[in-house]
Amino acid sequence: MCEKKFPKTIRVLINDDITPYGDSELIASYSSALASVDNRMSILVISHLSWIGHLMAEWILGLQPPMFSTSSLTCIGYNPEFEASD
């Protein structure tokens, strides 16, 4: 379940692929690997509209990419045990 406040920041990473024309599949894989390797309980992704909807569709199987209003915020629970296999 998502916390009601942001946890203490441990590390800030900037990825040049998080752009309106970035590869959402690549970032979804990168985020999953980061969460697994670093044993992260939460990751904050800040991005541009409409791309973030495509990223969410990579994380949530069967989801059509949602459209967000400007300055929207969403929280997704992540469990690596339910990650889709290739």
PDB file of N, CA and C in Angstrom:
ATOM      1  N   MET A   1       0.848  -1.180   0.000  1.00  0.00           N
ATOM      2  CA  MET A   1       0.000   0.000   0.000  1.00  0.00           C
ATOM      3  C   MET A   1       0.891   1.241   0.000  1.00  0.00           C
ATOM      4  N   CYS A   2       0.468   2.260  -0.690  1.00  0.00           N
ATOM      5  CA  CYS A   2       1.258   3.488  -0.790  1.00  0.00           C
ATOM      6  C   CYS A   2       1.159   4.287   0.496  1.00  0.00           C
ATOM      7  N   GLU A   3       2.274   4.859   0.865  1.00  0.00           N
ATOM      8  CA  GLU A   3       2.304   5.669   2.082  1.00  0.00           C
ATOM      9  C   GLU A   3       1.617   7.005   1.847  1.00  0.00           C
ATOM     10  N   LYS A   4       1.188   7.628   2.937  1.00  0.00           N
ATOM     11  CA  LYS A   4       0.517   8.924   2.834  1.00  0.00           C
ATOM     12  C   LYS A   4       1.503  10.071   2.732  1.00  0.00           C
ATOM     13  N   LYS A   5       2.774   9.789   2.940  1.00  0.00           N
ATOM     14  CA  LYS A   5       3.802  10.807   2.769  1.00  0.00           C
ATOM     15  C   LYS A   5       4.990  10.158   2.077  1.00  0.00           C
ATOM     16  N   PHE A   6       5.803  10.977   1.465  1.00  0.00           N
ATOM     17  CA  PHE A   6       6.962  10.438   0.779  1.00  0.00           C
ATOM     18  C   PHE A   6       8.020   9.997   1.782  1.00  0.00           C
ATOM     19  N   PRO A   7       8.636   8.835   1.542  1.00  0.00           N
ATOM     20  CA  PRO A   7       9.707   8.396   2.433  1.00  0.00           C
ATOM     21  C   PRO A   7      10.955   9.255   2.237  1.00  0.00           C
ATOM     22  N   LYS A   8      11.885   9.122   3.147  1.00  0.00           N
ATOM     23  CA  LYS A   8      13.148   9.851   3.051  1.00  0.00           C
ATOM     24  C   LYS A   8      13.842   9.503   1.733  1.00  0.00           C
ATOM     25  N   THR A   9      14.341  10.510   1.031  1.00  0.00           N
ATOM     26  CA  THR A   9      15.046  10.298  -0.225  1.00  0.00           C
ATOM     27  C   THR A   9      16.416   9.701   0.047  1.00  0.00           C
ATOM     28  N   ILE A  10      16.676   8.594  -0.589  1.00  0.00           N
ATOM     29  CA  ILE A  10      17.961   7.921  -0.430  1.00  0.00           C
ATOM     30  C   ILE A  10      18.895   8.285  -1.570  1.00  0.00           C
ATOM     31  N   ARG A  11      18.348   8.324  -2.780  1.00  0.00           N
ATOM     32  CA  ARG A  11      19.172   8.600  -3.950  1.00  0.00           C
ATOM     33  C   ARG A  11      18.292   9.213  -5.035  1.00  0.00           C
ATOM     34  N   VAL A  12      18.851  10.138  -5.792  1.00  0.00           N
ATOM     35  CA  VAL A  12      18.146  10.747  -6.918  1.00  0.00           C
ATOM     36  C   VAL A  12      18.891  10.348  -8.185  1.00  0.00           C
ATOM     37  N   LEU A  13      18.147   9.771  -9.135  1.00  0.00           N
ATOM     38  CA  LEU A  13      18.721   9.389 -10.424  1.00  0.00           C
ATOM     39  C   LEU A  13      18.001  10.152 -11.519  1.00  0.00           C
ATOM     40  N   ILE A  14      18.737  10.576 -12.508  1.00  0.00           N
ATOM     41  CA  ILE A  14      18.153  11.246 -13.665  1.00  0.00           C
ATOM     42  C   ILE A  14      18.389  10.343 -14.864  1.00  0.00           C
ATOM     43  N   ASN A  15      17.323  10.070 -15.597  1.00  0.00           N
ATOM     44  CA  ASN A  15      17.419   9.208 -16.764  1.00  0.00           C
ATOM     45  C   ASN A  15      16.935   9.986 -17.975  1.00  0.00           C
ATOM     46  N   ASP A  16      17.796  10.145 -18.951  1.00  0.00           N
ATOM     47  CA  ASP A  16      17.460  10.928 -20.144  1.00  0.00           C
ATOM     48  C   ASP A  16      16.428  10.252 -21.034  1.00  0.00           C
ATOM     49  N   ASP A  17      16.078   8.995 -20.746  1.00  0.00           N
ATOM     50  CA  ASP A  17      15.053   8.301 -21.527  1.00  0.00           C
ATOM     51  C   ASP A  17      13.642   8.627 -21.051  1.00  0.00           C
ATOM     52  N   ILE A  18      13.507   9.326 -19.930  1.00  0.00           N
ATOM     53  CA  ILE A  18      12.183   9.706 -19.434  1.00  0.00           C
ATOM     54  C   ILE A  18      11.823  11.043 -20.068  1.00  0.00           C
ATOM     55  N   THR A  19      11.365  10.941 -21.306  1.00  0.00           N
ATOM     56  CA  THR A  19      10.980  12.100 -22.109  1.00  0.00           C
ATOM     57  C   THR A  19       9.658  11.783 -22.799  1.00  0.00           C
ATOM     58  N   PRO A  20       9.005  12.749 -23.406  1.00  0.00           N
ATOM     59  CA  PRO A  20       7.745  12.458 -24.098  1.00  0.00           C
ATOM     60  C   PRO A  20       7.863  11.374 -25.174  1.00  0.00           C
ATOM     61  N   TYR A  21       9.043  11.171 -25.740  1.00  0.00           N
ATOM     62  CA  TYR A  21       9.226  10.166 -26.779  1.00  0.00           C
ATOM     63  C   TYR A  21      10.110   9.011 -26.313  1.00  0.00           C
ATOM     64  N   GLY A  22      10.289   8.881 -25.002  1.00  0.00           N
ATOM     65  CA  GLY A  22      11.125   7.824 -24.449  1.00  0.00           C
ATOM     66  C   GLY A  22      10.497   6.448 -24.592  1.00  0.00           C
ATOM     67  N   ASP A  23      11.302   5.429 -24.333  1.00  0.00           N
ATOM     68  CA  ASP A  23      10.884   4.034 -24.443  1.00  0.00           C
ATOM     69  C   ASP A  23      10.330   3.574 -23.096  1.00  0.00           C
ATOM     70  N   SER A  24       9.011   3.509 -22.981  1.00  0.00           N
ATOM     71  CA  SER A  24       8.386   3.160 -21.698  1.00  0.00           C
ATOM     72  C   SER A  24       8.715   1.740 -21.267  1.00  0.00           C
ATOM     73  N   GLU A  25       8.882   0.825 -22.221  1.00  0.00           N
ATOM     74  CA  GLU A  25       9.243  -0.557 -21.873  1.00  0.00           C
ATOM     75  C   GLU A  25      10.634  -0.598 -21.230  1.00  0.00           C
ATOM     76  N   LEU A  26      11.560   0.169 -21.776  1.00  0.00           N
ATOM     77  CA  LEU A  26      12.924   0.242 -21.233  1.00  0.00           C
ATOM     78  C   LEU A  26      12.911   0.785 -19.802  1.00  0.00           C
ATOM     79  N   ILE A  27      12.156   1.842 -19.557  1.00  0.00           N
ATOM     80  CA  ILE A  27      12.107   2.441 -18.224  1.00  0.00           C
ATOM     81  C   ILE A  27      11.381   1.533 -17.242  1.00  0.00           C
ATOM     82  N   ALA A  28      10.357   0.823 -17.686  1.00  0.00           N
ATOM     83  CA  ALA A  28       9.668  -0.130 -16.810  1.00  0.00           C
ATOM     84  C   ALA A  28      10.633  -1.231 -16.372  1.00  0.00           C
ATOM     85  N   SER A  29      11.416  -1.747 -17.290  1.00  0.00           N
ATOM     86  CA  SER A  29      12.407  -2.783 -16.953  1.00  0.00           C
ATOM     87  C   SER A  29      13.480  -2.228 -16.017  1.00  0.00           C
ATOM     88  N   TYR A  30      13.951  -1.020 -16.327  1.00  0.00           N
ATOM     89  CA  TYR A  30      14.972  -0.371 -15.503  1.00  0.00           C
ATOM     90  C   TYR A  30      14.452  -0.147 -14.078  1.00  0.00           C
ATOM     91  N   SER A  31      13.229   0.342 -13.952  1.00  0.00           N
ATOM     92  CA  SER A  31      12.638   0.600 -12.637  1.00  0.00           C
ATOM     93  C   SER A  31      12.470  -0.696 -11.840  1.00  0.00           C
ATOM     94  N   SER A  32      12.024  -1.738 -12.507  1.00  0.00           N
ATOM     95  CA  SER A  32      11.861  -3.031 -11.841  1.00  0.00           C
ATOM     96  C   SER A  32      13.201  -3.577 -11.365  1.00  0.00           C
ATOM     97  N   ALA A  33      14.224  -3.442 -12.206  1.00  0.00           N
ATOM     98  CA  ALA A  33      15.564  -3.900 -11.819  1.00  0.00           C
ATOM     99  C   ALA A  33      16.094  -3.086 -10.645  1.00  0.00           C
ATOM    100  N   LEU A  34      15.889  -1.783 -10.680  1.00  0.00           N
ATOM    101  CA  LEU A  34      16.332  -0.905  -9.594  1.00  0.00           C
ATOM    102  C   LEU A  34      15.653  -1.287  -8.283  1.00  0.00           C
ATOM    103  N   ALA A  35      14.351  -1.504  -8.334  1.00  0.00           N
ATOM    104  CA  ALA A  35      13.604  -1.891  -7.130  1.00  0.00           C
ATOM    105  C   ALA A  35      14.107  -3.222  -6.587  1.00  0.00           C
ATOM    106  N   SER A  36      14.408  -4.148  -7.471  1.00  0.00           N
ATOM    107  CA  SER A  36      14.859  -5.478  -7.059  1.00  0.00           C
ATOM    108  C   SER A  36      16.290  -5.456  -6.505  1.00  0.00           C
ATOM    109  N   VAL A  37      17.195  -4.869  -7.248  1.00  0.00           N
ATOM    110  CA  VAL A  37      18.612  -4.859  -6.856  1.00  0.00           C
ATOM    111  C   VAL A  37      18.843  -4.045  -5.589  1.00  0.00           C
ATOM    112  N   ASP A  38      18.224  -2.877  -5.512  1.00  0.00           N
ATOM    113  CA  ASP A  38      18.422  -1.996  -4.358  1.00  0.00           C
ATOM    114  C   ASP A  38      17.420  -2.267  -3.237  1.00  0.00           C
ATOM    115  N   ASN A  39      16.544  -3.263  -3.449  1.00  0.00           N
ATOM    116  CA  ASN A  39      15.525  -3.615  -2.457  1.00  0.00           C
ATOM    117  C   ASN A  39      14.702  -2.390  -2.051  1.00  0.00           C
ATOM    118  N   ARG A  40      14.222  -1.661  -3.055  1.00  0.00           N
ATOM    119  CA  ARG A  40      13.452  -0.433  -2.829  1.00  0.00           C
ATOM    120  C   ARG A  40      11.999  -0.761  -2.522  1.00  0.00           C
ATOM    121  N   MET A  41      11.451  -0.057  -1.574  1.00  0.00           N
ATOM    122  CA  MET A  41      10.030  -0.171  -1.261  1.00  0.00           C
ATOM    123  C   MET A  41       9.218   0.868  -2.025  1.00  0.00           C
ATOM    124  N   SER A  42       9.887   1.906  -2.531  1.00  0.00           N
ATOM    125  CA  SER A  42       9.181   2.924  -3.308  1.00  0.00           C
ATOM    126  C   SER A  42      10.139   3.605  -4.277  1.00  0.00           C
ATOM    127  N   ILE A  43       9.586   4.005  -5.402  1.00  0.00           N
ATOM    128  CA  ILE A  43      10.319   4.758  -6.417  1.00  0.00           C
ATOM    129  C   ILE A  43       9.393   5.867  -6.889  1.00  0.00           C
ATOM    130  N   LEU A  44       9.875   7.074  -6.933  1.00  0.00           N
ATOM    131  CA  LEU A  44       9.114   8.210  -7.437  1.00  0.00           C
ATOM    132  C   LEU A  44       9.603   8.502  -8.852  1.00  0.00           C
ATOM    133  N   VAL A  45       8.684   8.514  -9.807  1.00  0.00           N
ATOM    134  CA  VAL A  45       9.009   8.836 -11.195  1.00  0.00           C
ATOM    135  C   VAL A  45       8.305  10.144 -11.536  1.00  0.00           C
ATOM    136  N   ILE A  46       9.057  11.097 -12.023  1.00  0.00           N
ATOM    137  CA  ILE A  46       8.502  12.380 -12.448  1.00  0.00           C
ATOM    138  C   ILE A  46       8.715  12.456 -13.949  1.00  0.00           C
ATOM    139  N   SER A  47       7.647  12.723 -14.680  1.00  0.00           N
ATOM    140  CA  SER A  47       7.732  12.665 -16.132  1.00  0.00           C
ATOM    141  C   SER A  47       6.752  13.610 -16.796  1.00  0.00           C
ATOM    142  N   HIS A  48       6.702  13.509 -18.113  1.00  0.00           N
ATOM    143  CA  HIS A  48       5.805  14.297 -18.954  1.00  0.00           C
ATOM    144  C   HIS A  48       4.516  13.521 -19.225  1.00  0.00           C
ATOM    145  N   LEU A  49       3.458  14.272 -19.516  1.00  0.00           N
ATOM    146  CA  LEU A  49       2.224  13.668 -20.024  1.00  0.00           C
ATOM    147  C   LEU A  49       2.500  13.156 -21.418  1.00  0.00           C
ATOM    148  N   SER A  50       1.903  12.504 -21.980  1.00  0.00           N
ATOM    149  CA  SER A  50       1.197  11.269 -22.113  1.00  0.00           C
ATOM    150  C   SER A  50       2.096  10.061 -21.913  1.00  0.00           C
ATOM    151  N   TRP A  51       3.391  10.263 -21.907  1.00  0.00           N
ATOM    152  CA  TRP A  51       4.333   9.163 -21.783  1.00  0.00           C
ATOM    153  C   TRP A  51       4.121   8.385 -20.495  1.00  0.00           C
ATOM    154  N   ILE A  52       3.834   9.032 -19.395  1.00  0.00           N
ATOM    155  CA  ILE A  52       3.681   8.351 -18.117  1.00  0.00           C
ATOM    156  C   ILE A  52       2.533   7.344 -18.154  1.00  0.00           C
ATOM    157  N   GLY A  53       1.498   7.614 -18.924  1.00  0.00           N
ATOM    158  CA  GLY A  53       0.410   6.653 -19.089  1.00  0.00           C
ATOM    159  C   GLY A  53       0.893   5.370 -19.750  1.00  0.00           C
ATOM    160  N   HIS A  54       1.784   5.501 -20.711  1.00  0.00           N
ATOM    161  CA  HIS A  54       2.353   4.320 -21.372  1.00  0.00           C
ATOM    162  C   HIS A  54       3.257   3.542 -20.423  1.00  0.00           C
ATOM    163  N   LEU A  55       3.961   4.247 -19.563  1.00  0.00           N
ATOM    164  CA  LEU A  55       4.784   3.571 -18.558  1.00  0.00           C
ATOM    165  C   LEU A  55       3.899   2.783 -17.595  1.00  0.00           C
ATOM    166  N   MET A  56       2.804   3.381 -17.164  1.00  0.00           N
ATOM    167  CA  MET A  56       1.881   2.672 -16.271  1.00  0.00           C
ATOM    168  C   MET A  56       1.335   1.414 -16.935  1.00  0.00           C
ATOM    169  N   ALA A  57       1.056   1.484 -18.233  1.00  0.00           N
ATOM    170  CA  ALA A  57       0.545   0.321 -18.956  1.00  0.00           C
ATOM    171  C   ALA A  57       1.598  -0.787 -19.029  1.00  0.00           C
ATOM    172  N   GLU A  58       2.876  -0.436 -18.962  1.00  0.00           N
ATOM    173  CA  GLU A  58       3.935  -1.448 -18.906  1.00  0.00           C
ATOM    174  C   GLU A  58       3.939  -2.141 -17.542  1.00  0.00           C
ATOM    175  N   TRP A  59       3.662  -1.385 -16.493  1.00  0.00           N
ATOM    176  CA  TRP A  59       3.687  -1.929 -15.132  1.00  0.00           C
ATOM    177  C   TRP A  59       2.433  -2.711 -14.781  1.00  0.00           C
ATOM    178  N   ILE A  60       1.294  -2.337 -15.362  1.00  0.00           N
ATOM    179  CA  ILE A  60       0.020  -2.965 -15.002  1.00  0.00           C
ATOM    180  C   ILE A  60      -0.512  -3.722 -16.202  1.00  0.00           C
ATOM    181  N   LEU A  61      -0.449  -5.038 -16.131  1.00  0.00           N
ATOM    182  CA  LEU A  61      -0.866  -5.883 -17.247  1.00  0.00           C
ATOM    183  C   LEU A  61      -2.317  -5.629 -17.630  1.00  0.00           C
ATOM    184  N   GLY A  62      -2.572  -5.485 -18.931  1.00  0.00           N
ATOM    185  CA  GLY A  62      -3.918  -5.304 -19.436  1.00  0.00           C
ATOM    186  C   GLY A  62      -4.463  -3.891 -19.345  1.00  0.00           C
ATOM    187  N   LEU A  63      -3.701  -2.970 -18.796  1.00  0.00           N
ATOM    188  CA  LEU A  63      -4.164  -1.582 -18.653  1.00  0.00           C
ATOM    189  C   LEU A  63      -3.975  -0.823 -19.958  1.00  0.00           C
ATOM    190  N   GLN A  64      -5.012  -0.137 -20.399  1.00  0.00           N
ATOM    191  CA  GLN A  64      -4.870   0.786 -21.520  1.00  0.00           C
ATOM    192  C   GLN A  64      -4.193   2.040 -20.977  1.00  0.00           C
ATOM    193  N   PRO A  65      -3.235   2.628 -21.701  1.00  0.00           N
ATOM    194  CA  PRO A  65      -2.547   3.805 -21.175  1.00  0.00           C
ATOM    195  C   PRO A  65      -3.528   4.899 -20.765  1.00  0.00           C
ATOM    196  N   PRO A  66      -3.568   5.238 -19.467  1.00  0.00           N
ATOM    197  CA  PRO A  66      -4.480   6.284 -19.010  1.00  0.00           C
ATOM    198  C   PRO A  66      -3.960   7.676 -19.379  1.00  0.00           C
ATOM    199  N   MET A  67      -4.878   8.594 -19.488  1.00  0.00           N
ATOM    200  CA  MET A  67      -4.521   9.990 -19.715  1.00  0.00           C
ATOM    201  C   MET A  67      -4.647  10.731 -18.387  1.00  0.00           C
ATOM    202  N   PHE A  68      -3.698  11.570 -18.092  1.00  0.00           N
ATOM    203  CA  PHE A  68      -3.675  12.320 -16.846  1.00  0.00           C
ATOM    204  C   PHE A  68      -3.840  13.804 -17.110  1.00  0.00           C
ATOM    205  N   SER A  69      -4.377  14.487 -16.136  1.00  0.00           N
ATOM    206  CA  SER A  69      -4.417  15.946 -16.176  1.00  0.00           C
ATOM    207  C   SER A  69      -3.045  16.480 -15.793  1.00  0.00           C
ATOM    208  N   THR A  70      -2.775  17.718 -16.138  1.00  0.00           N
ATOM    209  CA  THR A  70      -1.521  18.355 -15.757  1.00  0.00           C
ATOM    210  C   THR A  70      -1.352  18.303 -14.241  1.00  0.00           C
ATOM    211  N   SER A  71      -0.142  18.039 -13.796  1.00  0.00           N
ATOM    212  CA  SER A  71       0.225  17.974 -12.375  1.00  0.00           C
ATOM    213  C   SER A  71      -0.467  16.838 -11.625  1.00  0.00           C
ATOM    214  N   SER A  72      -0.766  15.757 -12.318  1.00  0.00           N
ATOM    215  CA  SER A  72      -1.400  14.604 -11.678  1.00  0.00           C
ATOM    216  C   SER A  72      -0.385  13.779 -10.906  1.00  0.00           C
ATOM    217  N   LEU A  73      -0.901  13.019  -9.965  1.00  0.00           N
ATOM    218  CA  LEU A  73      -0.080  12.138  -9.151  1.00  0.00           C
ATOM    219  C   LEU A  73      -0.809  10.815  -9.010  1.00  0.00           C
ATOM    220  N   THR A  74      -0.086   9.722  -9.127  1.00  0.00           N
ATOM    221  CA  THR A  74      -0.689   8.408  -8.919  1.00  0.00           C
ATOM    222  C   THR A  74       0.295   7.529  -8.165  1.00  0.00           C
ATOM    223  N   CYS A  75      -0.226   6.524  -7.528  1.00  0.00           N
ATOM    224  CA  CYS A  75       0.596   5.602  -6.754  1.00  0.00           C
ATOM    225  C   CYS A  75       0.258   4.184  -7.206  1.00  0.00           C
ATOM    226  N   ILE A  76       1.280   3.392  -7.486  1.00  0.00           N
ATOM    227  CA  ILE A  76       1.097   2.010  -7.924  1.00  0.00           C
ATOM    228  C   ILE A  76       1.828   1.108  -6.944  1.00  0.00           C
ATOM    229  N   GLY A  77       1.136   0.118  -6.405  1.00  0.00           N
ATOM    230  CA  GLY A  77       1.790  -0.881  -5.569  1.00  0.00           C
ATOM    231  C   GLY A  77       2.564  -1.844  -6.465  1.00  0.00           C
ATOM    232  N   TYR A  78       3.761  -2.222  -6.068  1.00  0.00           N
ATOM    233  CA  TYR A  78       4.612  -3.090  -6.876  1.00  0.00           C
ATOM    234  C   TYR A  78       4.952  -4.340  -6.092  1.00  0.00           C
ATOM    235  N   ASN A  79       4.773  -5.488  -6.715  1.00  0.00           N
ATOM    236  CA  ASN A  79       5.154  -6.754  -6.113  1.00  0.00           C
ATOM    237  C   ASN A  79       5.882  -7.554  -7.185  1.00  0.00           C
ATOM    238  N   PRO A  80       7.210  -7.756  -7.028  1.00  0.00           N
ATOM    239  CA  PRO A  80       7.982  -8.453  -8.062  1.00  0.00           C
ATOM    240  C   PRO A  80       7.514  -9.884  -8.303  1.00  0.00           C
ATOM    241  N   GLU A  81       6.810 -10.485  -7.361  1.00  0.00           N
ATOM    242  CA  GLU A  81       6.312 -11.846  -7.544  1.00  0.00           C
ATOM    243  C   GLU A  81       5.254 -11.915  -8.632  1.00  0.00           C
ATOM    244  N   PHE A  82       4.598 -10.782  -8.924  1.00  0.00           N
ATOM    245  CA  PHE A  82       3.544 -10.755  -9.937  1.00  0.00           C
ATOM    246  C   PHE A  82       4.037 -10.185 -11.271  1.00  0.00           C
ATOM    247  N   GLU A  83       5.332 -10.000 -11.402  1.00  0.00           N
ATOM    248  CA  GLU A  83       5.876  -9.439 -12.625  1.00  0.00           C
ATOM    249  C   GLU A  83       5.672 -10.429 -13.771  1.00  0.00           C
ATOM    250  N   ALA A  84       5.307  -9.913 -14.933  1.00  0.00           N
ATOM    251  CA  ALA A  84       5.055 -10.769 -16.097  1.00  0.00           C
ATOM    252  C   ALA A  84       6.348 -11.427 -16.558  1.00  0.00           C
ATOM    253  N   SER A  85       6.249 -12.649 -16.985  1.00  0.00           N
ATOM    254  CA  SER A  85       7.416 -13.338 -17.523  1.00  0.00           C
ATOM    255  C   SER A  85       7.456 -13.157 -19.028  1.00  0.00           C
ATOM    256  N   ASP A  86       8.673 -13.264 -19.591  1.00  0.00           N
ATOM    257  CA  ASP A  86       8.845 -13.066 -21.044  1.00  0.00           C
ATOM    258  C   ASP A  86       8.323 -14.247 -21.828  1.00  0.00           C
TER     259      ASP A  86
END
